[in-house]
Amino acid sequence: MRLDKYLKVSRVIKRRTIANEVCDAGRVSINGRPAKPSTEVKPGDILEIAFGSGKSRIKVLAVKETVRKDEAAELYEIMESGDALKP
């Protein structure tokens, strides 16, 4: 699945256009490498997202095309929480 779509489906970022802009700005990396919005995400990947003055690290647990709102948190595990991403 594309990174921008994963961020939206997992509800880490609310809108896909915002996820696209964040990736284009170089504020997202996968496994330590800068990621474009079209980068493929798979289970086991570590995402680092720069929010405000902090960085959040999440581990991808599952990749699904659609999920209900209450199941979205099951797609990832928060490893390190930055400013905006709180467990």
N, C-alpha and C. Protein backbone atom coordinates (compact mmCIF):
# COMPACT_ATOMS: atom_id res chain seq x y z
N MET A 1 0.84 -1.18 0.00
CA MET A 1 0.00 0.00 0.00
C MET A 1 0.89 1.25 0.00
N ARG A 2 0.45 2.27 -0.65
CA ARG A 2 1.18 3.54 -0.69
C ARG A 2 1.24 4.16 0.71
N LEU A 3 2.33 4.84 0.98
CA LEU A 3 2.53 5.47 2.29
C LEU A 3 1.44 6.47 2.61
N ASP A 4 1.11 7.36 1.67
CA ASP A 4 0.10 8.38 1.94
C ASP A 4 -1.26 7.75 2.26
N LYS A 5 -1.61 6.69 1.56
CA LYS A 5 -2.88 6.01 1.83
C LYS A 5 -2.84 5.30 3.19
N TYR A 6 -1.71 4.67 3.52
CA TYR A 6 -1.59 3.99 4.81
C TYR A 6 -1.76 4.99 5.97
N LEU A 7 -1.12 6.15 5.86
CA LEU A 7 -1.23 7.15 6.93
C LEU A 7 -2.68 7.59 7.11
N LYS A 8 -3.43 7.67 6.03
CA LYS A 8 -4.84 8.06 6.10
C LYS A 8 -5.70 6.92 6.64
N VAL A 9 -5.54 5.70 6.11
CA VAL A 9 -6.35 4.56 6.53
C VAL A 9 -6.12 4.25 8.01
N SER A 10 -4.87 4.34 8.47
CA SER A 10 -4.56 4.06 9.87
C SER A 10 -4.92 5.23 10.79
N ARG A 11 -5.31 6.34 10.19
CA ARG A 11 -5.72 7.55 10.90
C ARG A 11 -4.59 8.19 11.71
N VAL A 12 -3.35 7.96 11.27
CA VAL A 12 -2.21 8.67 11.86
C VAL A 12 -2.31 10.12 11.40
N ILE A 13 -2.68 10.32 10.13
CA ILE A 13 -2.93 11.65 9.57
C ILE A 13 -4.34 11.61 8.99
N LYS A 14 -5.14 12.65 9.27
CA LYS A 14 -6.56 12.61 8.92
C LYS A 14 -6.87 12.57 7.42
N ARG A 15 -6.14 13.35 6.64
CA ARG A 15 -6.47 13.44 5.21
C ARG A 15 -5.29 13.00 4.36
N ARG A 16 -5.62 12.35 3.24
CA ARG A 16 -4.57 11.86 2.35
C ARG A 16 -3.78 13.00 1.72
N THR A 17 -4.43 14.12 1.43
CA THR A 17 -3.70 15.25 0.86
C THR A 17 -2.68 15.80 1.84
N ILE A 18 -3.01 15.83 3.11
CA ILE A 18 -2.08 16.28 4.14
C ILE A 18 -0.93 15.29 4.25
N ALA A 19 -1.23 13.99 4.22
CA ALA A 19 -0.20 12.96 4.26
C ALA A 19 0.75 13.12 3.08
N ASN A 20 0.20 13.43 1.91
CA ASN A 20 0.99 13.67 0.71
C ASN A 20 1.94 14.84 0.91
N GLU A 21 1.43 15.94 1.46
CA GLU A 21 2.24 17.14 1.67
C GLU A 21 3.35 16.89 2.70
N VAL A 22 3.04 16.15 3.75
CA VAL A 22 4.02 15.84 4.79
C VAL A 22 5.16 15.01 4.20
N CYS A 23 4.81 14.03 3.37
CA CYS A 23 5.83 13.19 2.72
C CYS A 23 6.68 14.01 1.75
N ASP A 24 6.03 14.85 0.96
CA ASP A 24 6.75 15.69 -0.01
C ASP A 24 7.71 16.66 0.68
N ALA A 25 7.36 17.08 1.90
CA ALA A 25 8.20 18.01 2.65
C ALA A 25 9.40 17.30 3.29
N GLY A 26 9.48 15.98 3.15
CA GLY A 26 10.61 15.24 3.70
C GLY A 26 10.51 14.98 5.19
N ARG A 27 9.30 15.01 5.73
CA ARG A 27 9.11 14.83 7.17
C ARG A 27 8.75 13.40 7.56
N VAL A 28 8.76 12.48 6.57
CA VAL A 28 8.46 11.08 6.84
C VAL A 28 9.58 10.20 6.31
N SER A 29 10.00 9.24 7.11
CA SER A 29 11.00 8.27 6.64
C SER A 29 10.55 6.87 7.00
N ILE A 30 10.94 5.92 6.16
CA ILE A 30 10.65 4.50 6.40
C ILE A 30 11.97 3.79 6.57
N ASN A 31 12.14 3.13 7.71
CA ASN A 31 13.36 2.39 8.02
C ASN A 31 14.61 3.26 7.83
N GLY A 32 14.51 4.53 8.24
CA GLY A 32 15.66 5.43 8.20
C GLY A 32 15.90 6.12 6.87
N ARG A 33 15.07 5.87 5.87
CA ARG A 33 15.25 6.51 4.55
C ARG A 33 14.08 7.44 4.27
N PRO A 34 14.38 8.62 3.71
CA PRO A 34 13.28 9.53 3.35
C PRO A 34 12.30 8.84 2.41
N ALA A 35 11.00 9.09 2.62
CA ALA A 35 9.97 8.39 1.85
C ALA A 35 9.09 9.36 1.07
N LYS A 36 8.79 8.97 -0.15
CA LYS A 36 7.85 9.70 -0.98
C LYS A 36 6.45 9.16 -0.70
N PRO A 37 5.41 9.89 -1.09
CA PRO A 37 4.05 9.41 -0.85
C PRO A 37 3.76 8.06 -1.52
N SER A 38 4.45 7.76 -2.60
CA SER A 38 4.18 6.52 -3.33
C SER A 38 4.98 5.32 -2.83
N THR A 39 5.82 5.51 -1.81
CA THR A 39 6.62 4.41 -1.26
C THR A 39 5.70 3.33 -0.68
N GLU A 40 6.02 2.08 -0.97
CA GLU A 40 5.21 0.96 -0.48
C GLU A 40 5.49 0.71 1.00
N VAL A 41 4.42 0.50 1.76
CA VAL A 41 4.51 0.20 3.18
C VAL A 41 4.14 -1.26 3.39
N LYS A 42 4.91 -1.96 4.23
CA LYS A 42 4.60 -3.36 4.53
C LYS A 42 4.76 -3.59 6.04
N PRO A 43 4.13 -4.65 6.56
CA PRO A 43 4.26 -4.93 7.99
C PRO A 43 5.73 -5.08 8.40
N GLY A 44 6.06 -4.52 9.55
CA GLY A 44 7.43 -4.57 10.06
C GLY A 44 8.21 -3.29 9.80
N ASP A 45 7.72 -2.43 8.90
CA ASP A 45 8.40 -1.17 8.63
C ASP A 45 8.30 -0.24 9.84
N ILE A 46 9.33 0.58 10.02
CA ILE A 46 9.35 1.60 11.06
C ILE A 46 9.20 2.95 10.39
N LEU A 47 8.15 3.68 10.74
CA LEU A 47 7.91 5.02 10.18
C LEU A 47 8.32 6.07 11.20
N GLU A 48 9.05 7.08 10.74
CA GLU A 48 9.38 8.23 11.58
C GLU A 48 8.70 9.43 10.95
N ILE A 49 7.90 10.12 11.74
CA ILE A 49 7.14 11.27 11.25
C ILE A 49 7.45 12.47 12.13
N ALA A 50 7.88 13.57 11.50
CA ALA A 50 8.18 14.80 12.23
C ALA A 50 6.90 15.61 12.38
N PHE A 51 6.43 15.75 13.62
CA PHE A 51 5.25 16.55 13.96
C PHE A 51 5.73 17.71 14.82
N GLY A 52 5.53 18.94 14.38
CA GLY A 52 5.93 20.08 15.18
C GLY A 52 7.40 20.03 15.52
N SER A 53 7.74 20.05 16.80
CA SER A 53 9.14 20.04 17.22
C SER A 53 9.62 18.64 17.60
N GLY A 54 8.74 17.65 17.53
CA GLY A 54 9.12 16.30 17.92
C GLY A 54 8.98 15.30 16.79
N LYS A 55 9.51 14.11 17.04
CA LYS A 55 9.40 13.02 16.07
C LYS A 55 8.65 11.87 16.70
N SER A 56 7.81 11.25 15.91
CA SER A 56 7.10 10.06 16.36
C SER A 56 7.58 8.88 15.55
N ARG A 57 7.73 7.74 16.21
CA ARG A 57 8.13 6.50 15.54
C ARG A 57 7.01 5.49 15.74
N ILE A 58 6.55 4.91 14.64
CA ILE A 58 5.53 3.88 14.73
C ILE A 58 5.97 2.67 13.93
N LYS A 59 5.56 1.51 14.41
CA LYS A 59 5.86 0.26 13.72
C LYS A 59 4.58 -0.22 13.04
N VAL A 60 4.69 -0.55 11.75
CA VAL A 60 3.54 -1.03 10.99
C VAL A 60 3.29 -2.48 11.37
N LEU A 61 2.10 -2.77 11.89
CA LEU A 61 1.75 -4.13 12.27
C LEU A 61 0.95 -4.84 11.19
N ALA A 62 0.10 -4.09 10.48
CA ALA A 62 -0.74 -4.67 9.44
C ALA A 62 -1.05 -3.61 8.39
N VAL A 63 -1.35 -4.08 7.19
CA VAL A 63 -1.73 -3.18 6.09
C VAL A 63 -3.06 -3.68 5.55
N LYS A 64 -4.10 -2.86 5.68
CA LYS A 64 -5.43 -3.21 5.17
C LYS A 64 -5.95 -2.05 4.34
N GLU A 65 -6.73 -2.37 3.31
CA GLU A 65 -7.27 -1.34 2.43
C GLU A 65 -8.29 -0.44 3.13
N THR A 66 -9.13 -1.05 3.95
CA THR A 66 -10.12 -0.28 4.69
C THR A 66 -10.26 -0.85 6.10
N VAL A 67 -10.47 0.03 7.06
CA VAL A 67 -10.72 -0.38 8.44
C VAL A 67 -11.73 0.56 9.07
N ARG A 68 -12.42 0.07 10.08
CA ARG A 68 -13.33 0.93 10.82
C ARG A 68 -12.52 1.80 11.77
N LYS A 69 -13.10 2.89 12.18
CA LYS A 69 -12.39 3.85 13.02
C LYS A 69 -11.83 3.22 14.30
N ASP A 70 -12.62 2.37 14.95
CA ASP A 70 -12.18 1.76 16.20
C ASP A 70 -11.11 0.68 16.00
N GLU A 71 -10.91 0.22 14.76
CA GLU A 71 -9.90 -0.81 14.48
C GLU A 71 -8.61 -0.21 13.93
N ALA A 72 -8.60 1.07 13.62
CA ALA A 72 -7.45 1.71 12.97
C ALA A 72 -6.18 1.64 13.82
N ALA A 73 -6.31 1.74 15.12
CA ALA A 73 -5.13 1.73 16.01
C ALA A 73 -4.44 0.37 16.03
N GLU A 74 -5.11 -0.68 15.55
CA GLU A 74 -4.52 -2.01 15.52
C GLU A 74 -3.54 -2.19 14.36
N LEU A 75 -3.48 -1.21 13.46
CA LEU A 75 -2.60 -1.29 12.30
C LEU A 75 -1.17 -0.90 12.63
N TYR A 76 -0.95 -0.24 13.77
CA TYR A 76 0.39 0.22 14.11
C TYR A 76 0.61 0.20 15.62
N GLU A 77 1.88 0.27 16.00
CA GLU A 77 2.28 0.34 17.40
C GLU A 77 3.14 1.59 17.57
N ILE A 78 2.83 2.41 18.54
CA ILE A 78 3.61 3.62 18.80
C ILE A 78 4.86 3.23 19.57
N MET A 79 6.03 3.50 18.99
CA MET A 79 7.30 3.18 19.65
C MET A 79 7.83 4.39 20.41
N GLU A 80 7.66 5.57 19.82
CA GLU A 80 8.12 6.80 20.44
C GLU A 80 7.11 7.88 20.06
N SER A 81 6.59 8.57 21.02
CA SER A 81 5.54 9.55 20.76
C SER A 81 6.11 10.97 20.71
N GLY A 82 5.78 11.68 19.65
CA GLY A 82 6.19 13.07 19.51
C GLY A 82 5.13 14.00 20.05
N ASP A 83 5.14 15.24 19.57
CA ASP A 83 4.20 16.24 20.05
C ASP A 83 2.74 15.91 19.76
N ALA A 84 2.43 15.59 18.51
CA ALA A 84 1.03 15.44 18.11
C ALA A 84 0.49 14.04 18.22
N LEU A 85 1.33 13.04 18.19
CA LEU A 85 0.86 11.65 18.19
C LEU A 85 0.93 11.08 19.59
N LYS A 86 -0.19 11.05 20.28
CA LYS A 86 -0.25 10.54 21.64
C LYS A 86 -1.02 9.24 21.66
N PRO A 87 -0.58 8.26 22.45
CA PRO A 87 -1.28 6.98 22.52
C PRO A 87 -2.66 7.09 23.15
